[in-house]
Amino acid sequence: MSKTDSASPIQAKAIATLWRTLSSCSLPLLWRLARLLGPMIYRFSHRERQVTDVNLREVFPELPPDQRRARGRQSMIHSTATMLELGFAWMAAPQRVEDSVNAVYGRELLDEARAEGRGVIVLAPHYGNWEILNFWLSNHFPFTAMYEPPKIAELDPIIRHGRERMGASLVPTNPRGVASLLKALKRSEAVGILPDQVPSWGSGVFADFYHRPAYTATLLPKLVARTQARVVTGVAKRCAGQGFDIHFLAADERVYAADEVTSARGVNASVEAAIDLDPVQYQWEYKRYRKTPEEEQGHPEFRRFRLYR
């Protein structure tokens, strides 16, 4: 057994214990902890700070450097809060989690689609607390989402139970999972898709995300073409320790295009519209621009075009 293998059960037990402990904490307390820890992570974690700063520089070039750094620190506070709230979303009493949702805006988009016999594809970017969004959706609608097991295998049953406990159906990120999404949409149900996760080569196209090419998955136009589903963007916006407001926004009309590049542009525009609700709640430490057009084209010096060092 390797050192990593032997450490995994210990790590898993420690993480699960932490989640259970944090699940009993109030949201105001978790927010205070995030406000304490977030700036420290931003200051001392070089990788997180570097990626956040690079992304914010690309996305908001008009902002003075001090304002971008302030936005980066605030973003890290929200990302830290999301991590601290995992136990709450997965393990707290269901009524506590349901009561943490202060308001739901745009629910009629889902209700109208289902009344018309159409499924709903929810684009759920890494914004606010997406686990709260998953909880709410699966508590109010038949809901299916793709799921990739964690690197620490011992945590898989805990995470899976947390996400499925209100009735969500988790399917693998492979053709069998796609088939399950199609079946759910044909039953006029809701499915969730991560629109801002960088796909593997061959599963996406480059489309602008804040005026810079980002490799974007092409699953959406395939699902729309075969089901005529409605597409909405969904986020659970954090209210600074006082719960969450859930927003459903009509997707950019380009998402319905058969052309994959046009559809991908619509997906990214839809994510941008959600981010505009409160830009600091987006997970800017993710390497959204990790892949480059030059690498896809086989440029001999493609590494020179990489944004992250």
Protein backbone atom coordinates (compact mmCIF):
# COMPACT_ATOMS: atom_id res chain seq x y z
CA MET A 1 0.00 0.00 0.00
CA SER A 2 1.42 3.40 -0.95
CA LYS A 3 1.84 6.28 1.43
CA THR A 4 -1.02 8.11 -0.31
CA ASP A 5 -3.32 5.09 -0.06
CA SER A 6 -2.64 4.63 3.65
CA ALA A 7 -3.18 8.31 4.33
CA SER A 8 -6.53 8.52 2.52
CA PRO A 9 -8.66 6.83 5.23
CA ILE A 10 -7.11 9.08 7.87
CA GLN A 11 -7.66 12.17 5.73
CA ALA A 12 -11.20 11.12 4.94
CA LYS A 13 -12.04 10.57 8.61
CA ALA A 14 -10.62 13.96 9.56
CA ILE A 15 -12.47 15.76 6.76
CA ALA A 16 -15.76 13.99 7.51
CA THR A 17 -15.41 14.86 11.21
CA LEU A 18 -14.80 18.50 10.30
CA TRP A 19 -17.86 18.54 8.04
CA ARG A 20 -20.05 17.08 10.79
CA THR A 21 -18.74 19.62 13.29
CA LEU A 22 -19.29 22.55 10.93
CA SER A 23 -22.78 21.30 10.02
CA SER A 24 -23.98 22.25 13.49
CA CYS A 25 -22.60 25.80 13.27
CA SER A 26 -24.81 28.74 12.38
CA LEU A 27 -24.34 30.48 9.05
CA PRO A 28 -23.36 33.77 10.76
CA LEU A 29 -20.58 31.92 12.61
CA LEU A 30 -19.36 30.23 9.42
CA TRP A 31 -19.33 33.61 7.69
CA ARG A 32 -17.25 35.13 10.51
CA LEU A 33 -14.78 32.25 10.19
CA ALA A 34 -14.62 32.81 6.41
CA ARG A 35 -13.92 36.51 6.93
CA LEU A 36 -11.05 35.54 9.24
CA LEU A 37 -9.56 32.74 7.12
CA GLY A 38 -10.20 34.04 3.60
CA PRO A 39 -7.74 36.96 3.68
CA MET A 40 -5.11 34.68 5.23
CA ILE A 41 -5.52 32.15 2.41
CA TYR A 42 -5.31 34.96 -0.15
CA ARG A 43 -2.12 36.27 1.43
CA PHE A 44 -0.24 33.04 2.10
CA SER A 45 -1.46 30.66 -0.62
CA HIS A 46 0.60 31.66 -3.65
CA ARG A 47 -1.28 29.44 -6.08
CA GLU A 48 -4.74 30.66 -5.08
CA ARG A 49 -3.70 34.31 -5.05
CA GLN A 50 -1.80 34.12 -8.35
CA VAL A 51 -4.67 32.49 -10.28
CA THR A 52 -7.25 34.82 -8.74
CA ASP A 53 -5.19 37.91 -9.56
CA VAL A 54 -4.52 36.78 -13.14
CA ASN A 55 -8.20 36.03 -13.77
CA LEU A 56 -9.37 39.34 -12.31
CA ARG A 57 -6.77 41.24 -14.33
CA GLU A 58 -8.04 39.60 -17.53
CA VAL A 59 -11.72 40.02 -16.72
CA PHE A 60 -11.65 43.50 -15.17
CA PRO A 61 -8.71 45.31 -16.81
CA GLU A 62 -10.38 48.68 -16.23
CA LEU A 63 -10.14 48.34 -12.43
CA PRO A 64 -7.12 49.86 -10.65
CA PRO A 65 -4.77 47.20 -9.20
CA ASP A 66 -5.73 47.97 -5.59
CA GLN A 67 -9.41 47.48 -6.38
CA ARG A 68 -8.69 44.17 -8.11
CA ARG A 69 -6.71 42.98 -5.08
CA ALA A 70 -9.57 43.99 -2.79
CA ARG A 71 -11.96 42.08 -5.03
CA GLY A 72 -9.61 39.09 -4.90
CA ARG A 73 -9.61 39.08 -1.10
CA GLN A 74 -13.40 39.33 -1.02
CA SER A 75 -13.66 36.49 -3.54
CA MET A 76 -11.43 34.31 -1.37
CA ILE A 77 -13.68 35.00 1.62
CA HIS A 78 -16.67 33.71 -0.36
CA SER A 79 -14.77 30.66 -1.62
CA THR A 80 -13.71 29.91 1.96
CA ALA A 81 -17.32 30.30 3.10
CA THR A 82 -18.42 27.77 0.47
CA MET A 83 -15.92 25.23 1.80
CA LEU A 84 -16.99 25.85 5.39
CA GLU A 85 -20.66 25.49 4.42
CA LEU A 86 -20.26 22.05 2.81
CA GLY A 87 -21.15 20.24 6.03
CA PHE A 88 -24.20 22.48 6.42
CA ALA A 89 -25.41 21.77 2.87
CA TRP A 90 -24.79 18.01 3.09
CA MET A 91 -25.39 17.10 6.73
CA ALA A 92 -27.51 19.72 8.51
CA ALA A 93 -31.18 18.95 9.12
CA PRO A 94 -33.03 19.41 5.81
CA GLN A 95 -35.38 21.99 7.30
CA ARG A 96 -32.41 24.10 8.44
CA VAL A 97 -31.02 24.10 4.92
CA GLU A 98 -34.40 24.84 3.35
CA ASP A 99 -34.94 27.70 5.81
CA SER A 100 -31.58 29.20 4.82
CA VAL A 101 -33.06 30.09 1.42
CA ASN A 102 -34.49 33.57 1.87
CA ALA A 103 -36.01 34.02 -1.58
CA VAL A 104 -36.20 32.37 -4.99
CA TYR A 105 -36.20 34.59 -8.06
CA GLY A 106 -37.15 33.32 -11.50
CA ARG A 107 -38.74 30.04 -10.41
CA GLU A 108 -41.46 30.66 -12.96
CA LEU A 109 -38.93 29.88 -15.71
CA LEU A 110 -38.76 26.29 -14.48
CA ASP A 111 -42.46 25.96 -13.72
CA GLU A 112 -43.52 27.29 -17.13
CA ALA A 113 -41.16 24.97 -19.00
CA ARG A 114 -42.39 21.90 -17.15
CA ALA A 115 -46.02 22.97 -17.65
CA GLU A 116 -45.27 23.01 -21.39
CA GLY A 117 -43.88 19.48 -21.15
CA ARG A 118 -40.30 20.63 -21.58
CA GLY A 119 -37.30 19.69 -19.50
CA VAL A 120 -35.05 22.33 -17.94
CA ILE A 121 -31.27 22.48 -18.21
CA VAL A 122 -29.84 24.46 -15.29
CA LEU A 123 -26.42 25.96 -15.92
CA ALA A 124 -24.89 26.05 -12.43
CA PRO A 125 -21.56 27.93 -12.42
CA HIS A 126 -19.11 27.99 -9.52
CA TYR A 127 -20.78 30.96 -7.87
CA GLY A 128 -22.05 31.52 -4.35
CA ASN A 129 -22.86 28.13 -2.82
CA TRP A 130 -23.75 25.72 -5.62
CA GLU A 131 -24.39 22.93 -3.09
CA ILE A 132 -27.31 24.92 -1.68
CA LEU A 133 -28.62 25.28 -5.23
CA ASN A 134 -28.37 21.49 -5.68
CA PHE A 135 -30.21 20.96 -2.38
CA TRP A 136 -33.03 23.32 -3.32
CA LEU A 137 -33.46 21.96 -6.83
CA SER A 138 -33.58 18.35 -5.70
CA ASN A 139 -36.03 19.27 -2.94
CA HIS A 140 -38.46 20.94 -5.34
CA PHE A 141 -38.04 19.22 -8.70
CA PRO A 142 -37.08 15.81 -10.09
CA PHE A 143 -33.38 16.62 -10.58
CA THR A 144 -30.44 14.83 -12.22
CA ALA A 145 -26.81 15.99 -12.26
CA MET A 146 -23.49 14.63 -13.36
CA TYR A 147 -21.09 13.59 -10.62
CA GLU A 148 -17.38 12.82 -10.59
CA PRO A 149 -16.15 10.94 -7.48
CA PRO A 150 -13.61 12.78 -5.28
CA LYS A 151 -9.90 11.98 -5.32
CA ILE A 152 -10.18 10.62 -1.77
CA ALA A 153 -12.37 7.60 -2.49
CA GLU A 154 -13.44 7.18 1.15
CA LEU A 155 -15.30 10.51 0.95
CA ASP A 156 -17.42 9.38 -2.01
CA PRO A 157 -20.33 7.84 -0.02
CA ILE A 158 -20.49 10.92 2.24
CA ILE A 159 -20.60 13.40 -0.63
CA ARG A 160 -22.96 11.25 -2.67
CA HIS A 161 -25.36 10.89 0.26
CA GLY A 162 -25.22 14.63 0.92
CA ARG A 163 -26.10 15.47 -2.66
CA GLU A 164 -28.72 12.76 -3.10
CA ARG A 165 -30.50 13.02 0.23
CA MET A 166 -33.31 15.22 -1.12
CA GLY A 167 -33.91 13.00 -4.13
CA ALA A 168 -31.30 14.12 -6.66
CA SER A 169 -30.07 11.48 -9.08
CA LEU A 170 -26.31 11.57 -9.68
CA VAL A 171 -24.99 10.10 -12.92
CA PRO A 172 -21.41 9.54 -14.13
CA THR A 173 -19.55 11.94 -16.40
CA ASN A 174 -19.53 9.58 -19.37
CA PRO A 175 -21.87 8.57 -22.24
CA ARG A 176 -24.02 6.58 -19.85
CA GLY A 177 -24.49 9.71 -17.76
CA VAL A 178 -25.37 11.76 -20.84
CA ALA A 179 -28.00 9.16 -21.75
CA SER A 180 -29.48 9.56 -18.27
CA LEU A 181 -29.66 13.34 -18.71
CA LEU A 182 -31.48 12.89 -22.01
CA LYS A 183 -34.01 10.55 -20.43
CA ALA A 184 -34.62 12.97 -17.55
CA LEU A 185 -35.18 15.89 -19.95
CA LYS A 186 -37.61 13.84 -22.03
CA ARG A 187 -39.55 13.24 -18.78
CA SER A 188 -39.78 17.07 -18.42
CA GLU A 189 -37.41 17.04 -15.45
CA ALA A 190 -34.53 19.33 -14.50
CA VAL A 191 -30.87 18.53 -15.02
CA GLY A 192 -27.78 20.38 -13.85
CA ILE A 193 -24.66 21.14 -15.89
CA LEU A 194 -21.41 22.83 -14.83
CA PRO A 195 -20.96 25.42 -17.59
CA ASP A 196 -17.58 26.77 -16.47
CA GLN A 197 -15.59 23.57 -15.96
CA VAL A 198 -12.79 23.05 -18.48
CA PRO A 199 -13.60 19.84 -20.43
CA SER A 200 -11.13 17.34 -21.81
CA TRP A 201 -9.77 17.87 -25.31
CA GLY A 202 -12.31 16.90 -27.94
CA SER A 203 -15.30 17.70 -25.72
CA GLY A 204 -15.34 21.46 -26.20
CA VAL A 205 -14.70 24.50 -28.36
CA PHE A 206 -13.11 27.86 -27.70
CA ALA A 207 -15.56 30.68 -27.03
CA ASP A 208 -15.04 34.05 -25.42
CA PHE A 209 -15.50 34.32 -21.68
CA TYR A 210 -15.04 38.00 -20.80
CA HIS A 211 -13.39 38.64 -24.18
CA ARG A 212 -10.79 35.89 -23.85
CA PRO A 213 -11.08 32.41 -25.47
CA ALA A 214 -12.02 29.75 -22.92
CA TYR A 215 -12.38 26.07 -23.73
CA THR A 216 -16.08 25.38 -23.19
CA ALA A 217 -17.99 22.09 -23.17
CA THR A 218 -20.27 21.29 -26.12
CA LEU A 219 -22.68 19.00 -24.27
CA LEU A 220 -25.43 21.64 -24.11
CA PRO A 221 -26.33 21.97 -27.82
CA LYS A 222 -26.50 18.18 -28.08
CA LEU A 223 -28.99 18.03 -25.21
CA VAL A 224 -31.06 20.94 -26.55
CA ALA A 225 -31.20 19.53 -30.08
CA ARG A 226 -32.58 16.20 -28.88
CA THR A 227 -35.01 17.43 -26.22
CA GLN A 228 -36.03 21.07 -26.93
CA ALA A 229 -35.35 21.80 -23.27
CA ARG A 230 -35.37 25.28 -21.80
CA VAL A 231 -32.01 26.56 -20.53
CA VAL A 232 -31.65 28.72 -17.42
CA THR A 233 -28.73 29.78 -15.25
CA GLY A 234 -29.09 29.03 -11.54
CA VAL A 235 -27.09 30.34 -8.59
CA ALA A 236 -27.42 30.49 -4.81
CA LYS A 237 -26.21 33.99 -3.94
CA ARG A 238 -24.81 34.29 -0.43
CA CYS A 239 -26.25 36.98 1.83
CA ALA A 240 -23.16 37.43 4.07
CA GLY A 241 -24.00 34.81 6.66
CA GLN A 242 -27.74 35.46 6.53
CA GLY A 243 -28.71 32.70 4.16
CA PHE A 244 -29.01 32.59 0.39
CA ASP A 245 -31.09 34.06 -2.42
CA ILE A 246 -31.59 31.68 -5.33
CA HIS A 247 -31.69 33.26 -8.77
CA PHE A 248 -32.80 31.61 -12.01
CA LEU A 249 -31.99 33.68 -15.09
CA ALA A 250 -33.09 33.06 -18.67
CA ALA A 251 -30.05 31.93 -20.63
CA ASP A 252 -28.59 33.92 -23.49
CA GLU A 253 -30.58 32.98 -26.60
CA ARG A 254 -27.44 31.79 -28.37
CA VAL A 255 -27.41 28.65 -26.20
CA TYR A 256 -30.17 27.27 -28.45
CA ALA A 257 -28.02 27.51 -31.59
CA ALA A 258 -27.10 24.27 -33.35
CA ASP A 259 -23.61 25.62 -34.04
CA GLU A 260 -21.39 24.56 -31.14
CA VAL A 261 -19.27 27.71 -31.05
CA THR A 262 -22.32 29.97 -31.07
CA SER A 263 -23.94 27.90 -28.33
CA ALA A 264 -20.75 28.01 -26.25
CA ARG A 265 -20.68 31.78 -26.56
CA GLY A 266 -24.23 31.84 -25.24
CA VAL A 267 -23.23 29.60 -22.33
CA ASN A 268 -20.37 31.90 -21.35
CA ALA A 269 -22.53 35.01 -21.72
CA SER A 270 -25.10 33.35 -19.42
CA VAL A 271 -22.40 32.71 -16.81
CA GLU A 272 -21.24 36.31 -17.09
CA ALA A 273 -24.81 37.54 -16.44
CA ALA A 274 -24.95 35.46 -13.26
CA ILE A 275 -21.54 36.71 -12.11
CA ASP A 276 -22.77 40.28 -12.56
CA LEU A 277 -25.16 39.73 -9.63
CA ASP A 278 -22.10 40.02 -7.35
CA PRO A 279 -18.70 39.41 -9.01
CA VAL A 280 -16.85 38.58 -5.79
CA GLN A 281 -18.97 35.45 -5.29
CA TYR A 282 -17.49 33.74 -8.33
CA GLN A 283 -14.69 31.19 -7.80
CA TRP A 284 -11.92 33.20 -9.47
CA GLU A 285 -9.17 30.86 -8.21
CA TYR A 286 -10.20 28.28 -10.84
CA LYS A 287 -7.99 28.10 -13.96
CA ARG A 288 -10.77 28.82 -16.43
CA TYR A 289 -8.30 29.74 -19.19
CA ARG A 290 -6.05 26.72 -18.62
CA LYS A 291 -6.28 25.53 -22.23
CA THR A 292 -5.32 27.78 -25.12
CA PRO A 293 -6.15 27.88 -28.84
CA GLU A 294 -2.42 27.68 -29.59
CA GLU A 295 -2.13 24.39 -27.74
CA GLU A 296 -5.09 22.96 -29.65
CA GLN A 297 -3.54 24.10 -32.93
CA GLY A 298 -0.22 22.43 -32.09
CA HIS A 299 1.76 25.67 -32.06
CA PRO A 300 5.41 24.73 -31.34
CA GLU A 301 5.64 27.38 -28.62
CA PHE A 302 2.15 26.94 -27.18
CA ARG A 303 3.44 27.13 -23.60
CA ARG A 304 4.36 30.77 -24.20
CA PHE A 305 0.67 31.57 -24.60
CA ARG A 306 -0.41 30.11 -21.28
CA LEU A 307 -1.93 32.57 -18.86
CA TYR A 308 -0.94 30.76 -15.66
CA ARG A 309 2.69 30.18 -14.70
